[in-house]
N, C-alpha and C. Protein backbone atom coordinates (compact mmCIF):
# COMPACT_ATOMS: atom_id res chain seq x y z
N UNK A 1 134.45 29.14 174.54
CA UNK A 1 133.71 29.93 173.39
C UNK A 1 132.75 30.81 173.51
N UNK A 2 133.08 32.14 173.24
CA UNK A 2 132.44 32.92 173.23
C UNK A 2 130.94 33.67 172.40
N UNK A 3 129.99 34.65 172.72
CA UNK A 3 128.83 34.95 172.02
C UNK A 3 129.27 36.14 172.00
N UNK A 4 128.85 36.90 170.60
CA UNK A 4 128.86 38.35 170.74
C UNK A 4 127.36 38.50 170.38
N UNK A 5 126.18 39.34 170.87
CA UNK A 5 125.29 40.26 170.35
C UNK A 5 124.99 41.45 170.38
N UNK A 6 124.64 42.07 169.13
CA UNK A 6 124.88 43.13 169.04
C UNK A 6 123.15 43.62 168.89
N UNK A 7 122.87 45.39 169.78
CA UNK A 7 121.65 45.52 169.51
C UNK A 7 122.04 46.89 169.14
N UNK A 8 120.93 47.29 168.71
CA UNK A 8 120.77 48.79 168.07
C UNK A 8 119.85 49.36 168.71
N UNK A 9 120.17 50.85 168.78
CA UNK A 9 119.04 51.68 169.59
C UNK A 9 119.15 53.43 169.01
N UNK A 10 118.14 53.58 168.63
CA UNK A 10 117.79 55.45 168.41
C UNK A 10 117.99 56.23 169.50
N UNK A 11 118.79 56.81 169.47
CA UNK A 11 119.08 58.10 169.99
C UNK A 11 118.61 59.83 169.56
N UNK A 12 117.96 60.27 170.49
CA UNK A 12 117.47 61.81 169.87
C UNK A 12 117.82 62.36 170.57
N UNK A 13 118.67 63.89 169.99
CA UNK A 13 118.93 64.87 171.04
C UNK A 13 118.20 65.72 171.95
N UNK A 14 118.68 66.05 173.09
CA UNK A 14 117.59 66.31 174.08
C UNK A 14 116.46 67.65 173.79
N UNK A 15 115.72 66.98 174.53
CA UNK A 15 114.37 67.89 174.12
C UNK A 15 114.10 68.74 175.03
N UNK A 16 114.79 69.15 175.97
CA UNK A 16 114.20 69.88 177.06
C UNK A 16 115.02 71.35 177.03
N UNK A 17 114.11 72.52 176.36
CA UNK A 17 114.27 73.65 176.49
C UNK A 17 114.67 74.70 177.49
N UNK A 18 114.89 74.21 178.89
CA UNK A 18 115.20 74.81 179.81
C UNK A 18 114.69 74.06 181.25
N UNK A 19 115.62 73.92 181.87
CA UNK A 19 115.09 73.19 183.11
C UNK A 19 114.33 74.54 184.23
N UNK A 20 114.39 74.96 184.07
CA UNK A 20 113.68 76.27 184.69
C UNK A 20 112.32 76.09 184.39
N UNK A 21 111.48 76.03 185.84
CA UNK A 21 110.19 75.57 185.77
C UNK A 21 109.95 73.85 185.26
N UNK A 22 110.46 73.20 185.45
CA UNK A 22 110.28 71.40 185.05
C UNK A 22 109.23 70.97 186.15
N UNK A 23 108.36 70.44 185.80
CA UNK A 23 107.24 69.50 186.87
C UNK A 23 107.84 68.21 186.15
N UNK A 24 108.29 67.39 187.19
CA UNK A 24 107.80 65.89 186.72
C UNK A 24 106.56 65.11 187.70
N UNK A 25 106.23 64.37 187.46
CA UNK A 25 105.12 63.26 187.86
C UNK A 25 105.20 62.02 187.45
N UNK A 26 105.15 61.32 188.35
CA UNK A 26 105.23 59.91 188.17
C UNK A 26 104.03 59.02 187.80
N UNK A 27 103.76 58.35 187.37
CA UNK A 27 102.63 58.11 186.50
C UNK A 27 103.33 55.86 186.42
N UNK A 28 101.96 55.42 185.79
CA UNK A 28 102.07 53.92 185.46
C UNK A 28 101.82 54.00 184.12
N UNK A 29 102.94 52.68 183.24
CA UNK A 29 102.38 52.84 181.74
C UNK A 29 102.33 51.79 181.30
N UNK A 30 101.27 51.34 181.20
CA UNK A 30 100.38 50.22 180.41
C UNK A 30 101.23 49.53 179.37
N UNK A 31 101.44 48.24 179.15
CA UNK A 31 102.18 47.43 178.53
C UNK A 31 100.92 46.88 177.13
N UNK A 32 100.25 47.57 176.81
CA UNK A 32 98.72 47.37 176.23
C UNK A 32 98.86 48.14 175.17
N UNK A 33 99.02 48.15 174.17
CA UNK A 33 98.90 48.96 172.57
C UNK A 33 100.35 48.79 172.16
N UNK A 34 101.65 48.77 172.81
CA UNK A 34 103.21 48.79 172.36
C UNK A 34 103.41 47.27 171.73
N UNK A 35 103.93 48.07 171.04
CA UNK A 35 104.39 47.35 169.80
C UNK A 35 106.07 46.80 170.02
N UNK A 36 106.48 45.36 169.95
CA UNK A 36 107.38 44.98 170.37
C UNK A 36 108.00 44.97 169.15
N UNK A 37 109.61 45.49 169.30
CA UNK A 37 110.57 45.67 168.43
C UNK A 37 111.14 44.63 167.80
N UNK A 38 111.72 44.60 166.91
CA UNK A 38 112.83 43.29 166.04
C UNK A 38 113.12 42.38 167.57
N UNK A 39 114.01 43.24 168.64
CA UNK A 39 114.92 42.08 169.50
C UNK A 39 113.69 41.85 170.61
N UNK A 40 112.23 42.11 170.60
CA UNK A 40 111.39 41.52 171.63
C UNK A 40 110.90 42.74 172.52
N UNK A 41 111.72 43.45 172.68
CA UNK A 41 111.70 44.31 173.77
C UNK A 41 110.24 45.51 173.23
N UNK A 42 109.20 45.57 174.49
CA UNK A 42 108.01 46.69 174.23
C UNK A 42 109.12 48.12 174.71
N UNK A 43 109.06 49.13 174.17
CA UNK A 43 109.83 50.38 174.78
C UNK A 43 108.57 51.83 174.06
N UNK A 44 108.47 52.48 175.27
CA UNK A 44 107.73 53.72 174.80
C UNK A 44 109.04 54.55 174.87
N UNK A 45 109.17 55.40 174.06
CA UNK A 45 110.28 56.25 173.74
C UNK A 45 110.49 57.43 174.24
N UNK A 46 111.24 57.89 175.54
CA UNK A 46 111.11 59.45 175.43
C UNK A 46 110.64 60.87 174.65
N UNK A 47 110.11 61.54 175.16
CA UNK A 47 109.85 62.69 174.31
C UNK A 47 108.27 62.40 173.74
N UNK A 48 108.00 60.78 174.06
CA UNK A 48 106.22 60.51 173.39
C UNK A 48 105.21 61.62 174.19
N UNK A 49 104.17 61.90 173.45
CA UNK A 49 103.08 63.03 174.63
C UNK A 49 102.03 61.82 174.75
N UNK A 50 101.98 61.96 176.11
CA UNK A 50 100.81 60.77 176.63
C UNK A 50 100.04 61.39 177.11
N UNK A 51 98.65 60.85 177.20
CA UNK A 51 98.56 59.06 176.49
C UNK A 51 98.46 59.01 174.83
N UNK A 52 97.95 60.02 174.34
CA UNK A 52 98.08 60.12 173.29
C UNK A 52 98.19 61.72 172.58
N UNK A 53 98.73 61.42 170.99
CA UNK A 53 99.02 62.88 170.56
C UNK A 53 97.66 63.36 170.08
N UNK A 54 96.51 63.90 170.95
CA UNK A 54 95.66 64.06 170.70
C UNK A 54 95.16 65.41 172.15
N UNK A 55 93.65 65.92 171.91
CA UNK A 55 92.96 66.58 173.02
C UNK A 55 93.24 66.00 174.92
N UNK A 56 93.50 64.53 174.48
CA UNK A 56 93.92 63.61 176.43
C UNK A 56 94.98 63.97 176.68
N UNK A 57 96.36 64.46 175.68
CA UNK A 57 97.21 64.79 176.14
C UNK A 57 97.59 65.34 177.50
N UNK A 58 98.43 64.50 178.28
CA UNK A 58 98.53 65.56 179.95
C UNK A 58 99.75 65.51 180.12
N UNK A 59 101.16 64.70 179.23
CA UNK A 59 102.53 65.81 179.69
C UNK A 59 103.51 64.89 178.51
N UNK A 60 104.29 65.09 178.60
CA UNK A 60 105.52 64.07 177.65
C UNK A 60 106.69 63.22 178.60
N UNK A 61 106.63 61.53 177.75
CA UNK A 61 107.52 61.05 179.08
C UNK A 61 109.09 61.79 179.17
N UNK A 62 109.76 61.23 180.06
CA UNK A 62 111.66 62.20 180.06
C UNK A 62 112.04 60.95 179.90
N UNK A 63 112.10 59.51 179.85
CA UNK A 63 112.34 58.59 179.63
C UNK A 63 112.70 57.58 179.25
N UNK A 64 112.91 56.98 178.56
CA UNK A 64 112.10 55.64 178.00
C UNK A 64 111.90 54.68 179.05
N UNK A 65 110.38 53.92 178.41
CA UNK A 65 110.06 53.48 179.50
C UNK A 65 109.77 51.91 178.89
N UNK A 66 110.60 50.63 179.72
CA UNK A 66 110.25 49.05 179.00
C UNK A 66 109.58 48.72 179.57
N UNK A 67 108.22 48.27 179.24
CA UNK A 67 107.16 47.47 179.64
C UNK A 67 107.07 46.32 179.05
N UNK A 68 108.11 45.64 178.42
CA UNK A 68 108.18 44.75 178.12
C UNK A 68 107.65 43.35 179.28
N UNK A 69 107.45 43.67 180.19
CA UNK A 69 107.20 42.12 181.34
C UNK A 69 106.17 42.91 182.18
N UNK A 70 105.26 44.01 181.34
CA UNK A 70 103.99 44.70 182.15
C UNK A 70 104.13 46.12 182.37
N UNK A 71 103.14 46.51 182.54
CA UNK A 71 103.24 47.94 183.48
C UNK A 71 104.29 48.64 183.97
N UNK A 72 105.72 50.08 183.77
CA UNK A 72 105.71 50.42 184.61
C UNK A 72 105.69 51.65 184.90
N UNK A 73 106.23 52.40 186.47
CA UNK A 73 106.39 53.32 186.88
C UNK A 73 107.15 54.24 185.54
N UNK A 74 107.35 55.50 185.15
CA UNK A 74 107.72 56.31 184.94
C UNK A 74 107.43 57.82 185.16
N UNK A 75 108.61 58.73 184.43
CA UNK A 75 108.17 60.29 184.68
C UNK A 75 108.06 60.67 183.86
N UNK A 76 107.19 61.74 184.12
CA UNK A 76 105.94 62.36 182.94
C UNK A 76 106.18 64.03 183.11
N UNK A 77 106.88 64.59 182.08
CA UNK A 77 106.83 66.00 182.47
C UNK A 77 105.62 66.85 182.49
N UNK A 78 105.07 67.64 183.55
CA UNK A 78 103.82 67.91 183.45
C UNK A 78 103.77 69.81 183.17
N UNK A 79 104.93 70.57 183.42
CA UNK A 79 105.00 71.80 183.11
C UNK A 79 106.56 72.24 182.87
N UNK A 80 107.02 73.25 181.95
CA UNK A 80 108.37 73.41 181.66
C UNK A 80 108.18 73.78 180.27
N UNK A 81 109.30 73.69 179.22
CA UNK A 81 109.82 73.90 178.36
C UNK A 81 110.36 73.08 177.64
N UNK A 82 109.75 72.65 176.16
CA UNK A 82 110.45 71.91 175.39
C UNK A 82 110.47 72.07 173.84
N UNK A 83 111.51 71.21 173.38
CA UNK A 83 111.56 71.56 171.86
C UNK A 83 110.67 70.52 171.24
N UNK A 84 110.05 71.19 170.53
CA UNK A 84 109.07 70.31 169.58
C UNK A 84 109.36 69.83 168.56
N UNK A 85 110.17 70.36 168.24
CA UNK A 85 110.89 69.42 166.85
C UNK A 85 111.69 68.20 166.85
N UNK A 86 112.05 68.32 168.51
CA UNK A 86 113.39 67.19 168.70
C UNK A 86 112.87 66.38 169.46
N UNK A 87 111.15 65.94 169.01
CA UNK A 87 110.65 65.01 170.13
C UNK A 87 110.43 63.79 169.08
N UNK A 88 110.36 62.83 169.44
CA UNK A 88 110.15 61.52 168.47
C UNK A 88 109.37 61.93 167.33
N UNK A 89 107.66 62.36 168.11
CA UNK A 89 106.52 62.98 166.98
C UNK A 89 106.42 63.82 167.67
N UNK A 90 106.41 65.48 166.66
CA UNK A 90 106.10 66.38 167.17
C UNK A 90 104.59 66.45 167.83
N UNK A 91 103.93 67.36 168.96
CA UNK A 91 102.69 67.02 169.40
C UNK A 91 101.93 68.00 168.68
N UNK A 92 100.80 67.37 168.60
CA UNK A 92 99.56 68.06 167.07
C UNK A 92 99.08 69.52 167.58
N UNK A 93 99.50 70.19 166.64
CA UNK A 93 99.54 71.76 167.08
C UNK A 93 97.62 72.33 167.41
N UNK A 94 96.84 71.65 166.78
CA UNK A 94 95.79 71.90 166.82
C UNK A 94 94.59 70.72 168.03
N UNK A 95 95.33 69.95 168.17
CA UNK A 95 94.69 69.06 169.73
C UNK A 95 95.78 69.45 170.94
N UNK A 96 96.87 68.50 170.62
CA UNK A 96 98.13 68.21 171.68
C UNK A 96 98.48 69.45 172.50
N UNK A 97 98.47 71.10 171.70
CA UNK A 97 99.18 72.02 171.84
C UNK A 97 98.09 72.50 173.23
N UNK A 98 97.44 72.68 172.79
CA UNK A 98 96.27 73.50 173.79
C UNK A 98 96.45 72.91 175.32
N UNK A 99 95.75 71.24 175.39
CA UNK A 99 95.85 71.01 177.02
C UNK A 99 97.10 71.18 177.48
N UNK A 100 98.58 71.02 176.99
CA UNK A 100 99.81 71.03 177.81
C UNK A 100 99.93 72.44 177.92
N UNK A 101 99.72 73.27 177.02
CA UNK A 101 100.13 74.61 177.75
C UNK A 101 98.69 75.31 178.91
N UNK A 102 97.82 74.47 178.91
CA UNK A 102 96.93 74.90 179.87
C UNK A 102 97.10 74.38 181.24
N UNK A 103 98.51 73.44 180.78
CA UNK A 103 99.25 73.04 182.58
C UNK A 103 100.39 73.75 182.66
N UNK A 104 100.61 74.24 181.68
CA UNK A 104 101.83 74.87 181.75
C UNK A 104 103.46 73.94 181.42
N UNK A 105 103.15 73.12 180.16
CA UNK A 105 104.24 73.02 179.53
C UNK A 105 103.92 73.02 178.26
N UNK A 106 105.21 73.75 177.58
CA UNK A 106 105.20 74.90 176.74
C UNK A 106 106.60 74.34 175.37
N UNK A 107 105.67 74.11 174.12
CA UNK A 107 106.50 73.51 173.28
C UNK A 107 107.41 74.61 172.40
N UNK A 108 108.82 74.75 172.50
CA UNK A 108 108.89 75.92 171.71
C UNK A 108 109.33 75.46 170.65
N UNK A 109 109.89 76.14 169.82
CA UNK A 109 110.40 76.22 168.50
C UNK A 109 112.34 76.24 168.80
N UNK A 110 112.95 75.18 167.99
CA UNK A 110 114.59 74.85 168.39
C UNK A 110 114.96 76.76 167.45
N UNK A 111 115.95 77.31 167.77
CA UNK A 111 115.99 78.28 167.05
C UNK A 111 117.62 78.32 167.25
N UNK A 112 118.10 78.18 165.96
CA UNK A 112 119.63 77.12 165.53
C UNK A 112 120.66 78.48 165.89
N UNK A 113 121.21 79.13 166.56
CA UNK A 113 122.07 80.05 166.83
C UNK A 113 123.74 79.84 166.57
N UNK A 114 124.40 81.12 166.83
CA UNK A 114 125.56 80.86 165.68
C UNK A 114 126.65 81.01 167.23
N UNK A 115 127.37 80.21 167.34
CA UNK A 115 128.52 80.90 168.44
C UNK A 115 129.57 81.73 167.68
N UNK A 116 130.32 82.94 168.50
CA UNK A 116 130.97 83.66 168.30
C UNK A 116 132.15 83.04 169.02
N UNK A 117 133.29 82.64 168.30
CA UNK A 117 134.43 82.44 168.91
C UNK A 117 135.09 84.20 169.44
N UNK A 118 135.68 84.48 170.06
CA UNK A 118 136.93 85.84 169.79
C UNK A 118 137.86 85.71 170.15
């Protein structure tokens, strides 16, 4: 007898504007304050402004972090360029953008371009 379990996931488009100047650091992500989803997993999504989307912002998470079983190490973007409109929640333009840009992490607006095929 076999059992089939189906899980669902949310995917976001690539939010990196360019890899030039990209600086990643490792930090510890605590499990406190993270709400479990319907499957029972506590996940902080990639692209989350960390630790909060306000003046305390120190970077943006580079990848999803599963903290179901406790705190985990994760990569955080400290410098570089990202598309703000591709993040799960755009950085607050009045609070979070200033400290992020002060350390070299710039939020770009995505510009749609047409491909010309000759």
